[in-house]
Amino acid sequence: MLQDQPTEISFDVLEKAARIDDLPLIVDFWAAWCGPCKMMGPEFAKASKVQKGRARFAKLNTETFPQAGERYQIRGIPLLIAFRGGREVKRQAGAIQAAQIVEWSSGLDRA
């Protein structure tokens, strides 16, 4: 069942989902202390509703799972990374609005 809200995931779940998920997986890497991350959170949730059925949306707290920073070479947050077929296909640094997230993630389901 596809959710229309981003799911908070752990690093282990991300590693597995990025490899085996049948839909594109779009992950918002964030932290509670990050002001731009807090501003983008509701926008990410809006975009997930629009893209329901085309992609899965997840959030990973980089403070809770610092190994994500090393594994995915994260230099700043918020950071969106799209995974498809077990590999990273796209990334977007910085806070953006829901319409921009939808535009950025469009077409990933056909890739």
PDB file of N, CA and C in Angstrom:
ATOM      1  N   MET A   1       0.843  -1.185   0.000  1.00  0.00           N
ATOM      2  CA  MET A   1       0.000   0.000   0.000  1.00  0.00           C
ATOM      3  C   MET A   1       0.884   1.242   0.000  1.00  0.00           C
ATOM      4  N   LEU A   2       0.626   2.139  -0.913  1.00  0.00           N
ATOM      5  CA  LEU A   2       1.428   3.348  -1.005  1.00  0.00           C
ATOM      6  C   LEU A   2       0.882   4.423  -0.083  1.00  0.00           C
ATOM      7  N   GLN A   3       1.776   5.033   0.660  1.00  0.00           N
ATOM      8  CA  GLN A   3       1.378   6.101   1.560  1.00  0.00           C
ATOM      9  C   GLN A   3       1.487   7.440   0.845  1.00  0.00           C
ATOM     10  N   ASP A   4       0.687   8.400   1.298  1.00  0.00           N
ATOM     11  CA  ASP A   4       0.774   9.727   0.702  1.00  0.00           C
ATOM     12  C   ASP A   4       1.523  10.702   1.617  1.00  0.00           C
ATOM     13  N   GLN A   5       2.251  10.151   2.579  1.00  0.00           N
ATOM     14  CA  GLN A   5       3.112  10.936   3.464  1.00  0.00           C
ATOM     15  C   GLN A   5       4.487  10.284   3.484  1.00  0.00           C
ATOM     16  N   PRO A   6       5.545  11.083   3.581  1.00  0.00           N
ATOM     17  CA  PRO A   6       6.882  10.483   3.687  1.00  0.00           C
ATOM     18  C   PRO A   6       6.993   9.616   4.936  1.00  0.00           C
ATOM     19  N   THR A   7       7.760   8.547   4.818  1.00  0.00           N
ATOM     20  CA  THR A   7       8.001   7.630   5.915  1.00  0.00           C
ATOM     21  C   THR A   7       9.384   7.899   6.490  1.00  0.00           C
ATOM     22  N   GLU A   8       9.474   7.996   7.810  1.00  0.00           N
ATOM     23  CA  GLU A   8      10.772   8.148   8.470  1.00  0.00           C
ATOM     24  C   GLU A   8      11.444   6.774   8.455  1.00  0.00           C
ATOM     25  N   ILE A   9      12.655   6.695   7.925  1.00  0.00           N
ATOM     26  CA  ILE A   9      13.334   5.411   7.806  1.00  0.00           C
ATOM     27  C   ILE A   9      14.695   5.436   8.478  1.00  0.00           C
ATOM     28  N   SER A  10      15.202   4.250   8.752  1.00  0.00           N
ATOM     29  CA  SER A  10      16.541   4.091   9.314  1.00  0.00           C
ATOM     30  C   SER A  10      17.542   3.908   8.172  1.00  0.00           C
ATOM     31  N   PHE A  11      18.808   3.957   8.508  1.00  0.00           N
ATOM     32  CA  PHE A  11      19.859   3.749   7.514  1.00  0.00           C
ATOM     33  C   PHE A  11      19.767   2.347   6.908  1.00  0.00           C
ATOM     34  N   ASP A  12      19.527   1.332   7.738  1.00  0.00           N
ATOM     35  CA  ASP A  12      19.418  -0.043   7.242  1.00  0.00           C
ATOM     36  C   ASP A  12      18.254  -0.204   6.265  1.00  0.00           C
ATOM     37  N   VAL A  13      17.126   0.404   6.595  1.00  0.00           N
ATOM     38  CA  VAL A  13      15.965   0.331   5.706  1.00  0.00           C
ATOM     39  C   VAL A  13      16.268   1.040   4.392  1.00  0.00           C
ATOM     40  N   LEU A  14      16.940   2.178   4.459  1.00  0.00           N
ATOM     41  CA  LEU A  14      17.313   2.895   3.241  1.00  0.00           C
ATOM     42  C   LEU A  14      18.188   2.021   2.349  1.00  0.00           C
ATOM     43  N   GLU A  15      19.199   1.409   2.923  1.00  0.00           N
ATOM     44  CA  GLU A  15      20.111   0.579   2.144  1.00  0.00           C
ATOM     45  C   GLU A  15      19.353  -0.546   1.428  1.00  0.00           C
ATOM     46  N   LYS A  16      18.412  -1.155   2.108  1.00  0.00           N
ATOM     47  CA  LYS A  16      17.629  -2.241   1.508  1.00  0.00           C
ATOM     48  C   LYS A  16      16.652  -1.700   0.465  1.00  0.00           C
ATOM     49  N   ALA A  17      15.896  -0.672   0.819  1.00  0.00           N
ATOM     50  CA  ALA A  17      14.875  -0.119  -0.080  1.00  0.00           C
ATOM     51  C   ALA A  17      15.499   0.445  -1.353  1.00  0.00           C
ATOM     52  N   ALA A  18      16.644   1.067  -1.244  1.00  0.00           N
ATOM     53  CA  ALA A  18      17.306   1.636  -2.420  1.00  0.00           C
ATOM     54  C   ALA A  18      17.673   0.538  -3.423  1.00  0.00           C
ATOM     55  N   ARG A  19      17.910  -0.656  -2.934  1.00  0.00           N
ATOM     56  CA  ARG A  19      18.284  -1.780  -3.801  1.00  0.00           C
ATOM     57  C   ARG A  19      17.082  -2.495  -4.405  1.00  0.00           C
ATOM     58  N   ILE A  20      16.012  -2.669  -3.611  1.00  0.00           N
ATOM     59  CA  ILE A  20      14.955  -3.583  -4.052  1.00  0.00           C
ATOM     60  C   ILE A  20      13.608  -2.936  -4.356  1.00  0.00           C
ATOM     61  N   ASP A  21      13.430  -1.665  -4.041  1.00  0.00           N
ATOM     62  CA  ASP A  21      12.120  -1.051  -4.241  1.00  0.00           C
ATOM     63  C   ASP A  21      11.762  -1.034  -5.722  1.00  0.00           C
ATOM     64  N   ASP A  22      10.505  -1.332  -6.045  1.00  0.00           N
ATOM     65  CA  ASP A  22      10.069  -1.357  -7.430  1.00  0.00           C
ATOM     66  C   ASP A  22       9.732   0.025  -7.979  1.00  0.00           C
ATOM     67  N   LEU A  23       9.546   0.993  -7.109  1.00  0.00           N
ATOM     68  CA  LEU A  23       9.300   2.378  -7.507  1.00  0.00           C
ATOM     69  C   LEU A  23      10.535   3.216  -7.179  1.00  0.00           C
ATOM     70  N   PRO A  24      10.684   4.365  -7.835  1.00  0.00           N
ATOM     71  CA  PRO A  24      11.758   5.264  -7.417  1.00  0.00           C
ATOM     72  C   PRO A  24      11.588   5.614  -5.938  1.00  0.00           C
ATOM     73  N   LEU A  25      12.695   5.734  -5.250  1.00  0.00           N
ATOM     74  CA  LEU A  25      12.701   6.097  -3.842  1.00  0.00           C
ATOM     75  C   LEU A  25      13.353   7.462  -3.721  1.00  0.00           C
ATOM     76  N   ILE A  26      12.615   8.417  -3.177  1.00  0.00           N
ATOM     77  CA  ILE A  26      13.125   9.772  -3.002  1.00  0.00           C
ATOM     78  C   ILE A  26      13.291  10.013  -1.514  1.00  0.00           C
ATOM     79  N   VAL A  27      14.526  10.300  -1.112  1.00  0.00           N
ATOM     80  CA  VAL A  27      14.848  10.446   0.303  1.00  0.00           C
ATOM     81  C   VAL A  27      15.265  11.870   0.601  1.00  0.00           C
ATOM     82  N   ASP A  28      14.650  12.421   1.640  1.00  0.00           N
ATOM     83  CA  ASP A  28      14.999  13.734   2.174  1.00  0.00           C
ATOM     84  C   ASP A  28      15.941  13.494   3.353  1.00  0.00           C
ATOM     85  N   PHE A  29      17.211  13.860   3.190  1.00  0.00           N
ATOM     86  CA  PHE A  29      18.187  13.774   4.271  1.00  0.00           C
ATOM     87  C   PHE A  29      18.112  15.090   5.034  1.00  0.00           C
ATOM     88  N   TRP A  30      17.868  15.028   6.332  1.00  0.00           N
ATOM     89  CA  TRP A  30      17.588  16.216   7.136  1.00  0.00           C
ATOM     90  C   TRP A  30      18.112  16.018   8.554  1.00  0.00           C
ATOM     91  N   ALA A  31      17.962  17.075   9.371  1.00  0.00           N
ATOM     92  CA  ALA A  31      18.266  17.016  10.809  1.00  0.00           C
ATOM     93  C   ALA A  31      17.359  18.012  11.527  1.00  0.00           C
ATOM     94  N   ALA A  32      17.049  17.719  12.771  1.00  0.00           N
ATOM     95  CA  ALA A  32      16.122  18.543  13.550  1.00  0.00           C
ATOM     96  C   ALA A  32      16.641  19.962  13.776  1.00  0.00           C
ATOM     97  N   TRP A  33      17.942  20.148  13.845  1.00  0.00           N
ATOM     98  CA  TRP A  33      18.523  21.467  14.112  1.00  0.00           C
ATOM     99  C   TRP A  33      18.594  22.344  12.856  1.00  0.00           C
ATOM    100  N   CYS A  34      18.279  21.789  11.701  1.00  0.00           N
ATOM    101  CA  CYS A  34      18.438  22.473  10.407  1.00  0.00           C
ATOM    102  C   CYS A  34      17.180  23.273  10.050  1.00  0.00           C
ATOM    103  N   GLY A  35      17.290  24.606  10.094  1.00  0.00           N
ATOM    104  CA  GLY A  35      16.161  25.479   9.764  1.00  0.00           C
ATOM    105  C   GLY A  35      15.600  25.246   8.375  1.00  0.00           C
ATOM    106  N   PRO A  36      16.428  25.237   7.317  1.00  0.00           N
ATOM    107  CA  PRO A  36      15.907  24.977   5.975  1.00  0.00           C
ATOM    108  C   PRO A  36      15.232  23.606   5.859  1.00  0.00           C
ATOM    109  N   CYS A  37      15.732  22.629   6.624  1.00  0.00           N
ATOM    110  CA  CYS A  37      15.105  21.296   6.607  1.00  0.00           C
ATOM    111  C   CYS A  37      13.687  21.373   7.162  1.00  0.00           C
ATOM    112  N   LYS A  38      13.531  22.131   8.247  1.00  0.00           N
ATOM    113  CA  LYS A  38      12.199  22.292   8.848  1.00  0.00           C
ATOM    114  C   LYS A  38      11.256  22.991   7.885  1.00  0.00           C
ATOM    115  N   MET A  39      11.777  23.964   7.137  1.00  0.00           N
ATOM    116  CA  MET A  39      10.933  24.681   6.175  1.00  0.00           C
ATOM    117  C   MET A  39      10.537  23.764   5.011  1.00  0.00           C
ATOM    118  N   MET A  40      11.431  22.886   4.596  1.00  0.00           N
ATOM    119  CA  MET A  40      11.147  22.038   3.454  1.00  0.00           C
ATOM    120  C   MET A  40      10.287  20.824   3.823  1.00  0.00           C
ATOM    121  N   GLY A  41      10.255  20.412   5.074  1.00  0.00           N
ATOM    122  CA  GLY A  41       9.496  19.242   5.477  1.00  0.00           C
ATOM    123  C   GLY A  41       8.059  19.224   4.987  1.00  0.00           C
ATOM    124  N   PRO A  42       7.286  20.296   5.235  1.00  0.00           N
ATOM    125  CA  PRO A  42       5.896  20.309   4.751  1.00  0.00           C
ATOM    126  C   PRO A  42       5.804  20.304   3.221  1.00  0.00           C
ATOM    127  N   GLU A  43       6.763  20.905   2.557  1.00  0.00           N
ATOM    128  CA  GLU A  43       6.775  20.921   1.091  1.00  0.00           C
ATOM    129  C   GLU A  43       7.042  19.509   0.545  1.00  0.00           C
ATOM    130  N   PHE A  44       7.930  18.781   1.207  1.00  0.00           N
ATOM    131  CA  PHE A  44       8.232  17.404   0.826  1.00  0.00           C
ATOM    132  C   PHE A  44       6.982  16.539   0.999  1.00  0.00           C
ATOM    133  N   ALA A  45       6.249  16.776   2.080  1.00  0.00           N
ATOM    134  CA  ALA A  45       5.009  16.032   2.327  1.00  0.00           C
ATOM    135  C   ALA A  45       3.966  16.336   1.244  1.00  0.00           C
ATOM    136  N   LYS A  46       3.842  17.596   0.842  1.00  0.00           N
ATOM    137  CA  LYS A  46       2.900  17.958  -0.232  1.00  0.00           C
ATOM    138  C   LYS A  46       3.282  17.258  -1.529  1.00  0.00           C
ATOM    139  N   ALA A  47       4.554  17.253  -1.849  1.00  0.00           N
ATOM    140  CA  ALA A  47       5.021  16.618  -3.082  1.00  0.00           C
ATOM    141  C   ALA A  47       4.749  15.120  -3.056  1.00  0.00           C
ATOM    142  N   SER A  48       4.876  14.505  -1.886  1.00  0.00           N
ATOM    143  CA  SER A  48       4.635  13.061  -1.794  1.00  0.00           C
ATOM    144  C   SER A  48       3.182  12.726  -2.119  1.00  0.00           C
ATOM    145  N   LYS A  49       2.263  13.619  -1.761  1.00  0.00           N
ATOM    146  CA  LYS A  49       0.852  13.392  -2.093  1.00  0.00           C
ATOM    147  C   LYS A  49       0.632  13.460  -3.595  1.00  0.00           C
ATOM    148  N   VAL A  50       1.261  14.427  -4.241  1.00  0.00           N
ATOM    149  CA  VAL A  50       1.117  14.589  -5.690  1.00  0.00           C
ATOM    150  C   VAL A  50       1.718  13.403  -6.437  1.00  0.00           C
ATOM    151  N   GLN A  51       2.839  12.889  -5.950  1.00  0.00           N
ATOM    152  CA  GLN A  51       3.560  11.815  -6.630  1.00  0.00           C
ATOM    153  C   GLN A  51       3.164  10.415  -6.155  1.00  0.00           C
ATOM    154  N   LYS A  52       2.130  10.317  -5.337  1.00  0.00           N
ATOM    155  CA  LYS A  52       1.686   9.012  -4.828  1.00  0.00           C
ATOM    156  C   LYS A  52       1.451   8.055  -6.000  1.00  0.00           C
ATOM    157  N   GLY A  53       2.026   6.866  -5.894  1.00  0.00           N
ATOM    158  CA  GLY A  53       1.895   5.863  -6.936  1.00  0.00           C
ATOM    159  C   GLY A  53       3.002   5.921  -7.973  1.00  0.00           C
ATOM    160  N   ARG A  54       3.740   7.031  -8.022  1.00  0.00           N
ATOM    161  CA  ARG A  54       4.839   7.186  -8.973  1.00  0.00           C
ATOM    162  C   ARG A  54       6.200   7.049  -8.314  1.00  0.00           C
ATOM    163  N   ALA A  55       6.244   7.320  -6.998  1.00  0.00           N
ATOM    164  CA  ALA A  55       7.505   7.250  -6.248  1.00  0.00           C
ATOM    165  C   ALA A  55       7.180   7.091  -4.770  1.00  0.00           C
ATOM    166  N   ARG A  56       8.141   6.562  -4.034  1.00  0.00           N
ATOM    167  CA  ARG A  56       8.025   6.488  -2.580  1.00  0.00           C
ATOM    168  C   ARG A  56       8.875   7.600  -1.997  1.00  0.00           C
ATOM    169  N   PHE A  57       8.348   8.249  -0.979  1.00  0.00           N
ATOM    170  CA  PHE A  57       9.034   9.360  -0.323  1.00  0.00           C
ATOM    171  C   PHE A  57       9.399   8.948   1.097  1.00  0.00           C
ATOM    172  N   ALA A  58      10.641   9.191   1.464  1.00  0.00           N
ATOM    173  CA  ALA A  58      11.122   8.830   2.794  1.00  0.00           C
ATOM    174  C   ALA A  58      12.019   9.938   3.330  1.00  0.00           C
ATOM    175  N   LYS A  59      12.148   9.968   4.648  1.00  0.00           N
ATOM    176  CA  LYS A  59      13.012  10.935   5.322  1.00  0.00           C
ATOM    177  C   LYS A  59      14.006  10.164   6.179  1.00  0.00           C
ATOM    178  N   LEU A  60      15.259  10.649   6.180  1.00  0.00           N
ATOM    179  CA  LEU A  60      16.282  10.039   7.009  1.00  0.00           C
ATOM    180  C   LEU A  60      16.986  11.140   7.793  1.00  0.00           C
ATOM    181  N   ASN A  61      16.953  11.006   9.116  1.00  0.00           N
ATOM    182  CA  ASN A  61      17.572  11.987   9.998  1.00  0.00           C
ATOM    183  C   ASN A  61      19.074  11.716  10.040  1.00  0.00           C
ATOM    184  N   THR A  62      19.858  12.635   9.504  1.00  0.00           N
ATOM    185  CA  THR A  62      21.308  12.449   9.422  1.00  0.00           C
ATOM    186  C   THR A  62      21.993  12.580  10.780  1.00  0.00           C
ATOM    187  N   GLU A  63      21.317  13.165  11.737  1.00  0.00           N
ATOM    188  CA  GLU A  63      21.880  13.245  13.086  1.00  0.00           C
ATOM    189  C   GLU A  63      21.747  11.888  13.786  1.00  0.00           C
ATOM    190  N   THR A  64      20.639  11.222  13.562  1.00  0.00           N
ATOM    191  CA  THR A  64      20.409   9.903  14.137  1.00  0.00           C
ATOM    192  C   THR A  64      21.245   8.839  13.423  1.00  0.00           C
ATOM    193  N   PHE A  65      21.417   8.998  12.117  1.00  0.00           N
ATOM    194  CA  PHE A  65      22.153   8.025  11.300  1.00  0.00           C
ATOM    195  C   PHE A  65      23.304   8.721  10.574  1.00  0.00           C
ATOM    196  N   PRO A  66      24.361   9.107  11.309  1.00  0.00           N
ATOM    197  CA  PRO A  66      25.463   9.856  10.695  1.00  0.00           C
ATOM    198  C   PRO A  66      26.206   9.065   9.610  1.00  0.00           C
ATOM    199  N   GLN A  67      26.106   7.747   9.619  1.00  0.00           N
ATOM    200  CA  GLN A  67      26.765   6.950   8.594  1.00  0.00           C
ATOM    201  C   GLN A  67      26.229   7.257   7.200  1.00  0.00           C
ATOM    202  N   ALA A  68      25.032   7.804   7.125  1.00  0.00           N
ATOM    203  CA  ALA A  68      24.461   8.177   5.827  1.00  0.00           C
ATOM    204  C   ALA A  68      25.286   9.278   5.173  1.00  0.00           C
ATOM    205  N   GLY A  69      25.811  10.192   5.981  1.00  0.00           N
ATOM    206  CA  GLY A  69      26.629  11.277   5.452  1.00  0.00           C
ATOM    207  C   GLY A  69      27.856  10.779   4.731  1.00  0.00           C
ATOM    208  N   GLU A  70      28.497   9.793   5.307  1.00  0.00           N
ATOM    209  CA  GLU A  70      29.689   9.220   4.675  1.00  0.00           C
ATOM    210  C   GLU A  70      29.314   8.374   3.466  1.00  0.00           C
ATOM    211  N   ARG A  71      28.331   7.522   3.639  1.00  0.00           N
ATOM    212  CA  ARG A  71      27.940   6.600   2.558  1.00  0.00           C
ATOM    213  C   ARG A  71      27.488   7.334   1.300  1.00  0.00           C
ATOM    214  N   TYR A  72      26.724   8.416   1.486  1.00  0.00           N
ATOM    215  CA  TYR A  72      26.172   9.143   0.344  1.00  0.00           C
ATOM    216  C   TYR A  72      26.870  10.479   0.096  1.00  0.00           C
ATOM    217  N   GLN A  73      27.999  10.688   0.735  1.00  0.00           N
ATOM    218  CA  GLN A  73      28.811  11.894   0.552  1.00  0.00           C
ATOM    219  C   GLN A  73      27.974  13.167   0.680  1.00  0.00           C
ATOM    220  N   ILE A  74      27.268  13.258   1.785  1.00  0.00           N
ATOM    221  CA  ILE A  74      26.406  14.408   2.046  1.00  0.00           C
ATOM    222  C   ILE A  74      27.254  15.553   2.578  1.00  0.00           C
ATOM    223  N   ARG A  75      27.210  16.675   1.901  1.00  0.00           N
ATOM    224  CA  ARG A  75      27.991  17.855   2.280  1.00  0.00           C
ATOM    225  C   ARG A  75      27.130  18.947   2.903  1.00  0.00           C
ATOM    226  N   GLY A  76      25.826  18.833   2.745  1.00  0.00           N
ATOM    227  CA  GLY A  76      24.899  19.808   3.306  1.00  0.00           C
ATOM    228  C   GLY A  76      23.486  19.274   3.238  1.00  0.00           C
ATOM    229  N   ILE A  77      22.654  19.797   4.131  1.00  0.00           N
ATOM    230  CA  ILE A  77      21.251  19.388   4.166  1.00  0.00           C
ATOM    231  C   ILE A  77      20.378  20.640   4.174  1.00  0.00           C
ATOM    232  N   PRO A  78      19.155  20.540   3.738  1.00  0.00           N
ATOM    233  CA  PRO A  78      18.476  19.349   3.238  1.00  0.00           C
ATOM    234  C   PRO A  78      19.056  18.905   1.893  1.00  0.00           C
ATOM    235  N   LEU A  79      18.951  17.606   1.673  1.00  0.00           N
ATOM    236  CA  LEU A  79      19.426  17.000   0.431  1.00  0.00           C
ATOM    237  C   LEU A  79      18.421  15.938   0.007  1.00  0.00           C
ATOM    238  N   LEU A  80      17.984  16.021  -1.231  1.00  0.00           N
ATOM    239  CA  LEU A  80      17.124  14.983  -1.802  1.00  0.00           C
ATOM    240  C   LEU A  80      17.981  14.093  -2.686  1.00  0.00           C
ATOM    241  N   ILE A  81      17.818  12.791  -2.524  1.00  0.00           N
ATOM    242  CA  ILE A  81      18.456  11.831  -3.420  1.00  0.00           C
ATOM    243  C   ILE A  81      17.374  10.879  -3.917  1.00  0.00           C
ATOM    244  N   ALA A  82      17.363  10.669  -5.235  1.00  0.00           N
ATOM    245  CA  ALA A  82      16.441   9.719  -5.852  1.00  0.00           C
ATOM    246  C   ALA A  82      17.206   8.461  -6.209  1.00  0.00           C
ATOM    247  N   PHE A  83      16.645   7.314  -5.824  1.00  0.00           N
ATOM    248  CA  PHE A  83      17.222   6.013  -6.114  1.00  0.00           C
ATOM    249  C   PHE A  83      16.281   5.269  -7.058  1.00  0.00           C
ATOM    250  N   ARG A  84      16.867   4.553  -7.985  1.00  0.00           N
ATOM    251  CA  ARG A  84      16.079   3.732  -8.913  1.00  0.00           C
ATOM    252  C   ARG A  84      16.927   2.527  -9.304  1.00  0.00           C
ATOM    253  N   GLY A  85      16.362   1.341  -9.207  1.00  0.00           N
ATOM    254  CA  GLY A  85      17.078   0.149  -9.616  1.00  0.00           C
ATOM    255  C   GLY A  85      18.370  -0.087  -8.859  1.00  0.00           C
ATOM    256  N   GLY A  86      18.403   0.290  -7.589  1.00  0.00           N
ATOM    257  CA  GLY A  86      19.568   0.030  -6.771  1.00  0.00           C
ATOM    258  C   GLY A  86      20.677   1.052  -6.862  1.00  0.00           C
ATOM    259  N   ARG A  87      20.446   2.149  -7.576  1.00  0.00           N
ATOM    260  CA  ARG A  87      21.500   3.157  -7.675  1.00  0.00           C
ATOM    261  C   ARG A  87      20.931   4.566  -7.566  1.00  0.00           C
ATOM    262  N   GLU A  88      21.796   5.475  -7.179  1.00  0.00           N
ATOM    263  CA  GLU A  88      21.411   6.890  -7.125  1.00  0.00           C
ATOM    264  C   GLU A  88      21.302   7.398  -8.558  1.00  0.00           C
ATOM    265  N   VAL A  89      20.168   8.077  -8.848  1.00  0.00           N
ATOM    266  CA  VAL A  89      19.975   8.601 -10.202  1.00  0.00           C
ATOM    267  C   VAL A  89      19.918  10.120 -10.247  1.00  0.00           C
ATOM    268  N   LYS A  90      19.716  10.747  -9.081  1.00  0.00           N
ATOM    269  CA  LYS A  90      19.553  12.198  -9.081  1.00  0.00           C
ATOM    270  C   LYS A  90      19.706  12.716  -7.669  1.00  0.00           C
ATOM    271  N   ARG A  91      20.224  13.967  -7.538  1.00  0.00           N
ATOM    272  CA  ARG A  91      20.258  14.604  -6.224  1.00  0.00           C
ATOM    273  C   ARG A  91      20.017  16.099  -6.372  1.00  0.00           C
ATOM    274  N   GLN A  92      19.482  16.665  -5.293  1.00  0.00           N
ATOM    275  CA  GLN A  92      19.145  18.092  -5.257  1.00  0.00           C
ATOM    276  C   GLN A  92      19.456  18.619  -3.862  1.00  0.00           C
ATOM    277  N   ALA A  93      20.384  19.560  -3.779  1.00  0.00           N
ATOM    278  CA  ALA A  93      20.745  20.161  -2.491  1.00  0.00           C
ATOM    279  C   ALA A  93      19.938  21.429  -2.261  1.00  0.00           C
ATOM    280  N   GLY A  94      19.623  21.692  -1.001  1.00  0.00           N
ATOM    281  CA  GLY A  94      18.938  22.922  -0.625  1.00  0.00           C
ATOM    282  C   GLY A  94      17.433  22.760  -0.537  1.00  0.00           C
ATOM    283  N   ALA A  95      16.826  23.672   0.214  1.00  0.00           N
ATOM    284  CA  ALA A  95      15.371  23.647   0.403  1.00  0.00           C
ATOM    285  C   ALA A  95      14.669  24.127  -0.858  1.00  0.00           C
ATOM    286  N   ILE A  96      13.681  23.363  -1.291  1.00  0.00           N
ATOM    287  CA  ILE A  96      12.874  23.753  -2.447  1.00  0.00           C
ATOM    288  C   ILE A  96      11.402  23.522  -2.113  1.00  0.00           C
ATOM    289  N   GLN A  97      10.543  24.134  -2.913  1.00  0.00           N
ATOM    290  CA  GLN A  97       9.105  24.049  -2.674  1.00  0.00           C
ATOM    291  C   GLN A  97       8.513  22.797  -3.316  1.00  0.00           C
ATOM    292  N   ALA A  98       7.290  22.480  -2.917  1.00  0.00           N
ATOM    293  CA  ALA A  98       6.621  21.260  -3.378  1.00  0.00           C
ATOM    294  C   ALA A  98       6.579  21.162  -4.900  1.00  0.00           C
ATOM    295  N   ALA A  99       6.219  22.234  -5.584  1.00  0.00           N
ATOM    296  CA  ALA A  99       6.139  22.193  -7.048  1.00  0.00           C
ATOM    297  C   ALA A  99       7.492  21.873  -7.666  1.00  0.00           C
ATOM    298  N   GLN A 100       8.557  22.390  -7.074  1.00  0.00           N
ATOM    299  CA  GLN A 100       9.900  22.108  -7.578  1.00  0.00           C
ATOM    300  C   GLN A 100      10.280  20.646  -7.321  1.00  0.00           C
ATOM    301  N   ILE A 101       9.871  20.116  -6.173  1.00  0.00           N
ATOM    302  CA  ILE A 101      10.148  18.712  -5.864  1.00  0.00           C
ATOM    303  C   ILE A 101       9.400  17.810  -6.847  1.00  0.00           C
ATOM    304  N   VAL A 102       8.149  18.144  -7.130  1.00  0.00           N
ATOM    305  CA  VAL A 102       7.357  17.360  -8.078  1.00  0.00           C
ATOM    306  C   VAL A 102       8.015  17.405  -9.461  1.00  0.00           C
ATOM    307  N   GLU A 103       8.413  18.586  -9.899  1.00  0.00           N
ATOM    308  CA  GLU A 103       9.065  18.715 -11.213  1.00  0.00           C
ATOM    309  C   GLU A 103      10.363  17.921 -11.236  1.00  0.00           C
ATOM    310  N   TRP A 104      11.162  18.050 -10.179  1.00  0.00           N
ATOM    311  CA  TRP A 104      12.450  17.359 -10.080  1.00  0.00           C
ATOM    312  C   TRP A 104      12.281  15.838 -10.116  1.00  0.00           C
ATOM    313  N   SER A 105      11.219  15.346  -9.495  1.00  0.00           N
ATOM    314  CA  SER A 105      11.004  13.901  -9.391  1.00  0.00           C
ATOM    315  C   SER A 105      10.153  13.331 -10.529  1.00  0.00           C
ATOM    316  N   SER A 106       9.613  14.160 -11.370  1.00  0.00           N
ATOM    317  CA  SER A 106       8.781  13.668 -12.481  1.00  0.00           C
ATOM    318  C   SER A 106       9.632  12.881 -13.472  1.00  0.00           C
ATOM    319  N   GLY A 107       9.069  11.816 -13.954  1.00  0.00           N
ATOM    320  CA  GLY A 107       9.753  10.994 -14.943  1.00  0.00           C
ATOM    321  C   GLY A 107      10.610   9.904 -14.361  1.00  0.00           C
ATOM    322  N   LEU A 108      10.873   9.921 -13.072  1.00  0.00           N
ATOM    323  CA  LEU A 108      11.693   8.883 -12.451  1.00  0.00           C
ATOM    324  C   LEU A 108      11.030   7.513 -12.546  1.00  0.00           C
ATOM    325  N   ASP A 109       9.708   7.491 -12.568  1.00  0.00           N
ATOM    326  CA  ASP A 109       8.997   6.220 -12.644  1.00  0.00           C
ATOM    327  C   ASP A 109       9.095   5.581 -14.031  1.00  0.00           C
ATOM    328  N   ARG A 110       9.542   6.347 -15.012  1.00  0.00           N
ATOM    329  CA  ARG A 110       9.678   5.832 -16.377  1.00  0.00           C
ATOM    330  C   ARG A 110      11.140   5.556 -16.728  1.00  0.00           C
ATOM    331  N   ALA A 111      12.027   5.890 -15.827  1.00  0.00           N
ATOM    332  CA  ALA A 111      13.467   5.747 -16.119  1.00  0.00           C
ATOM    333  C   ALA A 111      13.886   4.311 -16.150  1.00  0.00           C
TER     334      ALA A 111
END
